[in-house]
Amino acid sequence: MRQVYLYTDGACSGNPGPGGWGAILRYEGREKELCGAEAATTNNRMELTAVIEGLAALKEPCRVELTCDSTYVVNSVEKGWVYNWKRKDWMKKPGEPVPNADLWQRLIPLLKTHEVAFNWVRGHRGHPENERCDRLAVEARRKLG
């Protein structure tokens, strides 16, 4: 399996509001930048979308070291919350649907395809790739108009 490094970030102007996401894929010294935006979204949706789009861009199963600043994403996977939500048919408790279930449902198969190790970094603290992903996300959001 190829070893790939994935860096991601999401940004939102208002929460909810217009948002963007950015991702950097690195493999053997080569890099690919990805980004996108949505007119009406939340920061958590953009953080999740960045991870999903980064993993979805891989053309074969890979070992992925994923670095992001979202405790929401990292904890939901690392602490197994997302798998509990799935077992409970995407309900946190009776009558309370899991936010962003549509995105979690897209992420789970990608986590089965790739061997993903999550690394959390504090956002906006000078981590070079995290800062670049933030710039990609903000620029994508700004292009919405």
N, C-alpha and C. Protein backbone atom coordinates (compact mmCIF):
# COMPACT_ATOMS: atom_id res chain seq x y z
N MET A 1 0.84 -1.20 0.00
CA MET A 1 0.00 0.00 0.00
C MET A 1 0.88 1.25 0.00
N ARG A 2 0.46 2.21 -0.78
CA ARG A 2 1.18 3.48 -0.83
C ARG A 2 0.89 4.30 0.43
N GLN A 3 1.92 5.01 0.90
CA GLN A 3 1.77 5.90 2.05
C GLN A 3 1.48 7.30 1.53
N VAL A 4 0.33 7.84 1.89
CA VAL A 4 -0.11 9.16 1.46
C VAL A 4 -0.33 10.03 2.69
N TYR A 5 -0.04 11.30 2.55
CA TYR A 5 -0.30 12.27 3.61
C TYR A 5 -1.42 13.18 3.14
N LEU A 6 -2.43 13.33 3.97
CA LEU A 6 -3.58 14.16 3.65
C LEU A 6 -3.75 15.21 4.73
N TYR A 7 -3.83 16.47 4.31
CA TYR A 7 -4.05 17.59 5.22
C TYR A 7 -5.36 18.24 4.81
N THR A 8 -6.20 18.59 5.78
CA THR A 8 -7.52 19.14 5.44
C THR A 8 -7.90 20.28 6.37
N ASP A 9 -8.81 21.12 5.87
CA ASP A 9 -9.41 22.15 6.71
C ASP A 9 -10.70 22.62 6.06
N GLY A 10 -11.58 23.13 6.89
CA GLY A 10 -12.83 23.72 6.44
C GLY A 10 -12.95 25.11 7.01
N ALA A 11 -13.72 25.96 6.35
CA ALA A 11 -13.93 27.33 6.80
C ALA A 11 -15.35 27.75 6.48
N CYS A 12 -15.92 28.54 7.36
CA CYS A 12 -17.28 29.01 7.16
C CYS A 12 -17.37 30.46 7.60
N SER A 13 -18.07 31.28 6.82
CA SER A 13 -18.31 32.67 7.19
C SER A 13 -19.73 32.73 7.74
N GLY A 14 -19.81 32.73 9.06
CA GLY A 14 -21.08 32.50 9.71
C GLY A 14 -21.22 31.00 9.87
N ASN A 15 -22.02 30.58 10.80
CA ASN A 15 -22.16 29.14 11.02
C ASN A 15 -23.61 28.86 11.41
N PRO A 16 -24.53 28.71 10.45
CA PRO A 16 -24.28 28.44 9.04
C PRO A 16 -24.02 29.71 8.22
N GLY A 17 -23.53 29.44 7.03
CA GLY A 17 -23.22 30.51 6.08
C GLY A 17 -22.47 29.91 4.90
N PRO A 18 -21.89 30.77 4.06
CA PRO A 18 -21.07 30.25 2.96
C PRO A 18 -19.78 29.64 3.52
N GLY A 19 -19.40 28.51 2.94
CA GLY A 19 -18.22 27.82 3.46
C GLY A 19 -17.37 27.22 2.37
N GLY A 20 -16.14 26.88 2.74
CA GLY A 20 -15.21 26.26 1.82
C GLY A 20 -14.40 25.20 2.52
N TRP A 21 -13.77 24.37 1.73
CA TRP A 21 -12.90 23.33 2.25
C TRP A 21 -11.65 23.26 1.40
N GLY A 22 -10.58 22.79 2.02
CA GLY A 22 -9.32 22.63 1.31
C GLY A 22 -8.63 21.35 1.75
N ALA A 23 -7.91 20.73 0.82
CA ALA A 23 -7.17 19.50 1.12
C ALA A 23 -5.89 19.48 0.31
N ILE A 24 -4.87 18.92 0.92
CA ILE A 24 -3.60 18.71 0.24
C ILE A 24 -3.27 17.22 0.35
N LEU A 25 -3.01 16.59 -0.77
CA LEU A 25 -2.55 15.21 -0.82
C LEU A 25 -1.06 15.22 -1.15
N ARG A 26 -0.27 14.47 -0.40
CA ARG A 26 1.17 14.40 -0.65
C ARG A 26 1.58 12.93 -0.76
N TYR A 27 2.29 12.65 -1.85
CA TYR A 27 2.79 11.30 -2.08
C TYR A 27 4.15 11.40 -2.77
N GLU A 28 5.16 10.83 -2.14
CA GLU A 28 6.51 10.79 -2.69
C GLU A 28 6.95 12.14 -3.25
N GLY A 29 6.77 13.19 -2.47
CA GLY A 29 7.24 14.51 -2.87
C GLY A 29 6.32 15.27 -3.82
N ARG A 30 5.26 14.63 -4.31
CA ARG A 30 4.31 15.31 -5.19
C ARG A 30 3.11 15.73 -4.36
N GLU A 31 2.52 16.85 -4.76
CA GLU A 31 1.34 17.35 -4.05
C GLU A 31 0.21 17.67 -5.00
N LYS A 32 -1.00 17.51 -4.48
CA LYS A 32 -2.20 17.89 -5.21
C LYS A 32 -3.08 18.67 -4.24
N GLU A 33 -3.52 19.84 -4.67
CA GLU A 33 -4.41 20.65 -3.85
C GLU A 33 -5.83 20.52 -4.38
N LEU A 34 -6.78 20.38 -3.46
CA LEU A 34 -8.20 20.29 -3.80
C LEU A 34 -8.95 21.31 -2.96
N CYS A 35 -10.02 21.84 -3.51
CA CYS A 35 -10.85 22.75 -2.72
C CYS A 35 -12.23 22.85 -3.35
N GLY A 36 -13.16 23.35 -2.56
CA GLY A 36 -14.53 23.54 -3.03
C GLY A 36 -15.29 24.39 -2.03
N ALA A 37 -16.52 24.70 -2.37
CA ALA A 37 -17.31 25.59 -1.51
C ALA A 37 -18.79 25.28 -1.66
N GLU A 38 -19.55 25.73 -0.67
CA GLU A 38 -21.00 25.64 -0.69
C GLU A 38 -21.56 26.96 -0.18
N ALA A 39 -22.68 27.37 -0.76
CA ALA A 39 -23.27 28.67 -0.42
C ALA A 39 -23.88 28.70 0.98
N ALA A 40 -24.45 27.61 1.43
CA ALA A 40 -25.10 27.55 2.74
C ALA A 40 -24.69 26.26 3.43
N THR A 41 -23.85 26.38 4.45
CA THR A 41 -23.30 25.20 5.09
C THR A 41 -22.85 25.53 6.50
N THR A 42 -22.16 24.58 7.13
CA THR A 42 -21.60 24.81 8.47
C THR A 42 -20.11 24.46 8.44
N ASN A 43 -19.41 24.92 9.47
CA ASN A 43 -18.00 24.61 9.57
C ASN A 43 -17.77 23.09 9.66
N ASN A 44 -18.57 22.40 10.47
CA ASN A 44 -18.39 20.96 10.59
C ASN A 44 -18.61 20.24 9.26
N ARG A 45 -19.56 20.68 8.47
CA ARG A 45 -19.79 20.07 7.16
C ARG A 45 -18.58 20.29 6.25
N MET A 46 -17.98 21.46 6.32
CA MET A 46 -16.82 21.74 5.48
C MET A 46 -15.60 20.94 5.94
N GLU A 47 -15.43 20.78 7.24
CA GLU A 47 -14.33 19.95 7.76
C GLU A 47 -14.49 18.50 7.27
N LEU A 48 -15.69 17.97 7.38
CA LEU A 48 -15.97 16.61 6.92
C LEU A 48 -15.80 16.47 5.41
N THR A 49 -16.29 17.45 4.68
CA THR A 49 -16.19 17.40 3.22
C THR A 49 -14.74 17.38 2.77
N ALA A 50 -13.89 18.14 3.42
CA ALA A 50 -12.47 18.16 3.07
C ALA A 50 -11.86 16.77 3.21
N VAL A 51 -12.17 16.08 4.29
CA VAL A 51 -11.66 14.73 4.51
C VAL A 51 -12.21 13.78 3.45
N ILE A 52 -13.52 13.84 3.23
CA ILE A 52 -14.16 12.96 2.24
C ILE A 52 -13.56 13.16 0.86
N GLU A 53 -13.46 14.40 0.42
CA GLU A 53 -12.96 14.67 -0.92
C GLU A 53 -11.48 14.28 -1.07
N GLY A 54 -10.71 14.50 -0.02
CA GLY A 54 -9.30 14.09 -0.06
C GLY A 54 -9.17 12.58 -0.21
N LEU A 55 -9.91 11.83 0.60
CA LEU A 55 -9.84 10.37 0.52
C LEU A 55 -10.43 9.86 -0.79
N ALA A 56 -11.51 10.48 -1.26
CA ALA A 56 -12.15 10.05 -2.50
C ALA A 56 -11.26 10.28 -3.72
N ALA A 57 -10.33 11.20 -3.62
CA ALA A 57 -9.43 11.49 -4.75
C ALA A 57 -8.38 10.40 -4.96
N LEU A 58 -8.19 9.54 -3.97
CA LEU A 58 -7.21 8.46 -4.10
C LEU A 58 -7.76 7.37 -5.02
N LYS A 59 -6.94 6.95 -5.96
CA LYS A 59 -7.39 6.02 -6.99
C LYS A 59 -7.25 4.54 -6.60
N GLU A 60 -6.61 4.27 -5.49
CA GLU A 60 -6.44 2.90 -5.00
C GLU A 60 -6.35 2.94 -3.48
N PRO A 61 -6.55 1.81 -2.82
CA PRO A 61 -6.42 1.80 -1.36
C PRO A 61 -5.02 2.24 -0.93
N CYS A 62 -4.97 3.10 0.06
CA CYS A 62 -3.70 3.64 0.54
C CYS A 62 -3.67 3.65 2.06
N ARG A 63 -2.46 3.74 2.57
CA ARG A 63 -2.25 4.03 3.98
C ARG A 63 -2.18 5.55 4.06
N VAL A 64 -3.06 6.16 4.83
CA VAL A 64 -3.20 7.61 4.84
C VAL A 64 -2.94 8.15 6.24
N GLU A 65 -2.03 9.10 6.32
CA GLU A 65 -1.84 9.85 7.55
C GLU A 65 -2.58 11.17 7.35
N LEU A 66 -3.69 11.32 8.06
CA LEU A 66 -4.58 12.46 7.91
C LEU A 66 -4.35 13.45 9.04
N THR A 67 -4.09 14.69 8.68
CA THR A 67 -3.88 15.74 9.66
C THR A 67 -4.95 16.80 9.47
N CYS A 68 -5.71 17.08 10.54
CA CYS A 68 -6.73 18.13 10.47
C CYS A 68 -6.88 18.78 11.84
N ASP A 69 -7.56 19.90 11.86
CA ASP A 69 -7.74 20.65 13.12
C ASP A 69 -9.15 20.50 13.69
N SER A 70 -9.90 19.55 13.19
CA SER A 70 -11.29 19.38 13.63
C SER A 70 -11.39 18.27 14.68
N THR A 71 -11.62 18.66 15.93
CA THR A 71 -11.85 17.65 16.96
C THR A 71 -13.15 16.90 16.66
N TYR A 72 -14.10 17.58 16.03
CA TYR A 72 -15.36 16.95 15.64
C TYR A 72 -15.10 15.72 14.76
N VAL A 73 -14.29 15.88 13.74
CA VAL A 73 -14.00 14.78 12.82
C VAL A 73 -13.14 13.73 13.52
N VAL A 74 -12.03 14.16 14.11
CA VAL A 74 -11.09 13.22 14.71
C VAL A 74 -11.76 12.42 15.82
N ASN A 75 -12.41 13.08 16.76
CA ASN A 75 -13.03 12.38 17.88
C ASN A 75 -14.17 11.47 17.43
N SER A 76 -14.96 11.92 16.47
CA SER A 76 -16.08 11.11 16.01
C SER A 76 -15.63 9.76 15.46
N VAL A 77 -14.48 9.75 14.81
CA VAL A 77 -13.96 8.50 14.27
C VAL A 77 -13.12 7.76 15.31
N GLU A 78 -12.15 8.45 15.90
CA GLU A 78 -11.23 7.80 16.83
C GLU A 78 -11.92 7.25 18.07
N LYS A 79 -12.95 7.92 18.54
CA LYS A 79 -13.68 7.46 19.73
C LYS A 79 -14.85 6.54 19.38
N GLY A 80 -15.03 6.29 18.07
CA GLY A 80 -16.04 5.34 17.63
C GLY A 80 -17.47 5.86 17.61
N TRP A 81 -17.64 7.16 17.81
CA TRP A 81 -19.00 7.70 17.85
C TRP A 81 -19.74 7.45 16.55
N VAL A 82 -19.05 7.63 15.42
CA VAL A 82 -19.71 7.50 14.11
C VAL A 82 -20.26 6.08 13.91
N TYR A 83 -19.55 5.09 14.44
CA TYR A 83 -20.01 3.70 14.28
C TYR A 83 -21.20 3.43 15.19
N ASN A 84 -21.23 4.06 16.35
CA ASN A 84 -22.41 3.96 17.22
C ASN A 84 -23.62 4.62 16.56
N TRP A 85 -23.40 5.78 15.97
CA TRP A 85 -24.50 6.46 15.28
C TRP A 85 -25.06 5.59 14.16
N LYS A 86 -24.16 4.96 13.42
CA LYS A 86 -24.61 4.09 12.33
C LYS A 86 -25.45 2.94 12.89
N ARG A 87 -24.97 2.31 13.97
CA ARG A 87 -25.71 1.20 14.59
C ARG A 87 -27.08 1.64 15.08
N LYS A 88 -27.19 2.91 15.47
CA LYS A 88 -28.47 3.45 15.98
C LYS A 88 -29.28 4.10 14.87
N ASP A 89 -28.97 3.73 13.62
CA ASP A 89 -29.69 4.24 12.45
C ASP A 89 -29.64 5.76 12.39
N TRP A 90 -28.46 6.32 12.67
CA TRP A 90 -28.17 7.75 12.53
C TRP A 90 -29.00 8.61 13.48
N MET A 91 -29.22 8.05 14.67
CA MET A 91 -29.90 8.81 15.74
C MET A 91 -28.95 8.87 16.93
N LYS A 92 -28.83 10.06 17.53
CA LYS A 92 -28.03 10.19 18.75
C LYS A 92 -28.80 9.57 19.92
N LYS A 93 -30.05 9.94 19.99
CA LYS A 93 -31.00 9.35 20.93
C LYS A 93 -32.36 9.47 20.28
N PRO A 94 -33.38 8.79 20.79
CA PRO A 94 -34.68 8.82 20.13
C PRO A 94 -35.14 10.27 19.83
N GLY A 95 -35.48 10.49 18.57
CA GLY A 95 -35.97 11.79 18.14
C GLY A 95 -34.88 12.82 17.86
N GLU A 96 -33.60 12.43 17.99
CA GLU A 96 -32.50 13.37 17.74
C GLU A 96 -31.56 12.82 16.68
N PRO A 97 -31.78 13.24 15.41
CA PRO A 97 -30.93 12.74 14.33
C PRO A 97 -29.49 13.25 14.47
N VAL A 98 -28.56 12.45 14.01
CA VAL A 98 -27.15 12.83 14.00
C VAL A 98 -26.95 13.92 12.95
N PRO A 99 -26.35 15.05 13.33
CA PRO A 99 -26.04 16.07 12.32
C PRO A 99 -25.05 15.51 11.28
N ASN A 100 -25.24 15.90 10.06
CA ASN A 100 -24.33 15.55 8.97
C ASN A 100 -24.28 14.05 8.66
N ALA A 101 -25.36 13.34 8.95
CA ALA A 101 -25.39 11.89 8.71
C ALA A 101 -25.08 11.56 7.25
N ASP A 102 -25.52 12.40 6.32
CA ASP A 102 -25.24 12.14 4.91
C ASP A 102 -23.74 12.10 4.63
N LEU A 103 -22.99 12.98 5.29
CA LEU A 103 -21.55 13.01 5.08
C LEU A 103 -20.85 11.85 5.79
N TRP A 104 -21.29 11.55 7.01
CA TRP A 104 -20.72 10.40 7.72
C TRP A 104 -20.93 9.13 6.91
N GLN A 105 -22.08 9.01 6.26
CA GLN A 105 -22.37 7.83 5.44
C GLN A 105 -21.44 7.75 4.23
N ARG A 106 -20.98 8.88 3.74
CA ARG A 106 -20.00 8.89 2.64
C ARG A 106 -18.60 8.57 3.16
N LEU A 107 -18.29 8.99 4.39
CA LEU A 107 -16.95 8.80 4.93
C LEU A 107 -16.67 7.34 5.32
N ILE A 108 -17.63 6.67 5.91
CA ILE A 108 -17.39 5.31 6.43
C ILE A 108 -16.81 4.36 5.38
N PRO A 109 -17.37 4.29 4.17
CA PRO A 109 -16.77 3.37 3.18
C PRO A 109 -15.33 3.76 2.82
N LEU A 110 -15.03 5.05 2.83
CA LEU A 110 -13.66 5.49 2.53
C LEU A 110 -12.70 5.05 3.64
N LEU A 111 -13.19 5.05 4.87
CA LEU A 111 -12.36 4.60 5.99
C LEU A 111 -12.14 3.09 5.93
N LYS A 112 -13.04 2.37 5.27
CA LYS A 112 -12.86 0.93 5.08
C LYS A 112 -11.91 0.64 3.92
N THR A 113 -11.90 1.51 2.92
CA THR A 113 -11.03 1.33 1.76
C THR A 113 -9.58 1.63 2.10
N HIS A 114 -9.37 2.67 2.87
CA HIS A 114 -8.01 3.13 3.20
C HIS A 114 -7.70 2.86 4.67
N GLU A 115 -6.44 2.69 4.97
CA GLU A 115 -5.98 2.60 6.36
C GLU A 115 -5.65 4.03 6.79
N VAL A 116 -6.53 4.63 7.57
CA VAL A 116 -6.40 6.04 7.91
C VAL A 116 -5.99 6.21 9.37
N ALA A 117 -4.91 6.93 9.58
CA ALA A 117 -4.48 7.32 10.92
C ALA A 117 -4.74 8.82 11.06
N PHE A 118 -5.49 9.20 12.09
CA PHE A 118 -5.87 10.59 12.31
C PHE A 118 -4.88 11.29 13.22
N ASN A 119 -4.49 12.50 12.81
CA ASN A 119 -3.65 13.37 13.63
C ASN A 119 -4.36 14.70 13.78
N TRP A 120 -4.58 15.11 15.01
CA TRP A 120 -5.21 16.41 15.25
C TRP A 120 -4.12 17.45 15.50
N VAL A 121 -4.28 18.63 14.90
CA VAL A 121 -3.41 19.78 15.18
C VAL A 121 -4.29 20.96 15.55
N ARG A 122 -3.77 21.81 16.40
CA ARG A 122 -4.51 23.01 16.77
C ARG A 122 -4.50 23.95 15.56
N GLY A 123 -5.69 24.40 15.16
CA GLY A 123 -5.82 25.27 13.99
C GLY A 123 -5.26 26.66 14.22
N HIS A 124 -4.79 27.26 13.16
CA HIS A 124 -4.31 28.64 13.16
C HIS A 124 -3.17 28.83 14.16
N ARG A 125 -2.30 27.83 14.23
CA ARG A 125 -1.15 27.91 15.12
C ARG A 125 0.16 27.71 14.36
N GLY A 126 0.12 27.93 13.05
CA GLY A 126 1.35 27.91 12.28
C GLY A 126 1.73 26.59 11.63
N HIS A 127 0.88 25.57 11.73
CA HIS A 127 1.17 24.31 11.02
C HIS A 127 1.08 24.61 9.52
N PRO A 128 2.18 24.48 8.77
CA PRO A 128 2.21 24.95 7.37
C PRO A 128 1.09 24.40 6.49
N GLU A 129 0.88 23.09 6.53
CA GLU A 129 -0.15 22.51 5.65
C GLU A 129 -1.55 22.88 6.12
N ASN A 130 -1.76 22.96 7.43
CA ASN A 130 -3.06 23.38 7.94
C ASN A 130 -3.36 24.81 7.51
N GLU A 131 -2.37 25.66 7.56
CA GLU A 131 -2.56 27.06 7.12
C GLU A 131 -2.85 27.13 5.63
N ARG A 132 -2.16 26.31 4.83
CA ARG A 132 -2.43 26.29 3.38
C ARG A 132 -3.83 25.79 3.09
N CYS A 133 -4.27 24.76 3.80
CA CYS A 133 -5.63 24.24 3.61
C CYS A 133 -6.65 25.30 3.99
N ASP A 134 -6.39 26.04 5.04
CA ASP A 134 -7.29 27.12 5.43
C ASP A 134 -7.38 28.17 4.33
N ARG A 135 -6.23 28.54 3.76
CA ARG A 135 -6.25 29.52 2.66
C ARG A 135 -7.03 28.99 1.46
N LEU A 136 -6.85 27.71 1.14
CA LEU A 136 -7.62 27.11 0.03
C LEU A 136 -9.12 27.18 0.31
N ALA A 137 -9.51 26.85 1.55
CA ALA A 137 -10.93 26.86 1.92
C ALA A 137 -11.50 28.26 1.86
N VAL A 138 -10.77 29.22 2.41
CA VAL A 138 -11.26 30.61 2.43
C VAL A 138 -11.37 31.15 1.00
N GLU A 139 -10.37 30.87 0.17
CA GLU A 139 -10.41 31.35 -1.21
C GLU A 139 -11.56 30.72 -1.99
N ALA A 140 -11.80 29.44 -1.79
CA ALA A 140 -12.94 28.78 -2.46
C ALA A 140 -14.25 29.42 -2.02
N ARG A 141 -14.37 29.70 -0.73
CA ARG A 141 -15.58 30.34 -0.21
C ARG A 141 -15.75 31.73 -0.82
N ARG A 142 -14.69 32.48 -0.90
CA ARG A 142 -14.76 33.85 -1.46
C ARG A 142 -15.19 33.85 -2.92
N LYS A 143 -14.82 32.83 -3.65
CA LYS A 143 -15.17 32.75 -5.08
C LYS A 143 -16.68 32.57 -5.29
N LEU A 144 -17.39 32.19 -4.22
CA LEU A 144 -18.84 32.06 -4.35
C LEU A 144 -19.50 33.39 -4.68
N GLY A 145 -18.82 34.47 -4.25
CA GLY A 145 -19.37 35.80 -4.56
C GLY A 145 -19.91 36.51 -3.44
